[in-house]
Protein backbone atom coordinates (compact mmCIF):
# COMPACT_ATOMS: atom_id res chain seq x y z
CA MET A 1 22.04 19.99 19.87
CA SER A 2 23.61 18.30 16.85
CA VAL A 3 21.71 15.10 17.63
CA ILE A 4 18.42 16.94 17.16
CA VAL A 5 19.54 18.15 13.73
CA ILE A 6 20.59 14.65 12.70
CA LEU A 7 17.28 13.17 13.87
CA LEU A 8 15.34 15.92 12.15
CA LEU A 9 17.15 15.31 8.85
CA ALA A 10 16.66 11.56 9.19
CA SER A 11 12.93 11.89 9.86
CA ILE A 12 12.43 14.30 6.97
CA SER A 13 14.30 11.98 4.61
CA VAL A 14 12.18 9.00 5.70
CA ALA A 15 9.01 11.05 5.23
CA ILE A 16 10.12 12.06 1.72
CA LEU A 17 10.90 8.42 0.94
CA PHE A 18 7.40 7.32 1.98
CA LEU A 19 5.84 10.17 0.03
CA LEU A 20 7.72 9.15 -3.12
CA ALA A 21 6.69 5.51 -2.61
CA PHE A 22 3.05 6.57 -2.25
CA ILE A 23 3.17 8.73 -5.38
CA TRP A 24 4.79 5.89 -7.32
CA SER A 25 2.12 3.40 -6.19
CA VAL A 26 -0.71 5.78 -7.16
CA ARG A 27 0.79 6.39 -10.60
CA SER A 28 1.35 2.69 -11.22
CA GLY A 29 -2.33 1.92 -10.53
CA GLN A 30 -2.23 0.16 -7.18
CA PHE A 31 -5.38 1.90 -5.92
CA GLU A 32 -7.58 1.71 -9.02
CA ASP A 33 -9.56 -1.41 -8.08
CA GLU A 34 -12.29 -0.01 -5.85
CA PHE A 35 -15.03 -2.59 -6.46
CA SER A 36 -13.61 -6.03 -5.84
CA PRO A 37 -12.15 -5.77 -2.29
CA PRO A 38 -15.46 -4.79 -0.62
CA SER A 39 -17.49 -7.29 -2.64
CA ARG A 40 -14.98 -10.13 -2.35
CA ILE A 41 -16.14 -11.05 1.15
CA LEU A 42 -19.74 -11.38 -0.02
CA PHE A 43 -19.08 -14.35 -2.32
CA ASP A 44 -18.15 -17.88 -1.35
CA ASN A 45 -14.95 -19.54 -2.45
CA GLU A 46 -16.67 -22.77 -3.49
CA LYS A 47 -15.85 -22.26 -7.16
CA LEU A 48 -12.19 -21.87 -6.36
CA SER A 49 -12.09 -24.99 -4.17
CA GLU A 50 -13.89 -27.04 -6.85
CA LYS A 51 -11.31 -26.06 -9.44
CA ASN A 52 -8.47 -27.16 -7.18
CA LYS A 53 -9.86 -30.70 -6.78
């Protein structure tokens, strides 16, 4: 029975850790760029490869 309590406490602590990491990433602006990821696949990378030459 004590193993269940230990596993329950461990899973709750991991869930709280992930929740805090998610809140930190939202506050730091990780999810603010909503335009460029969907439109990035529509454009070719020719300009980037020309600059590297």
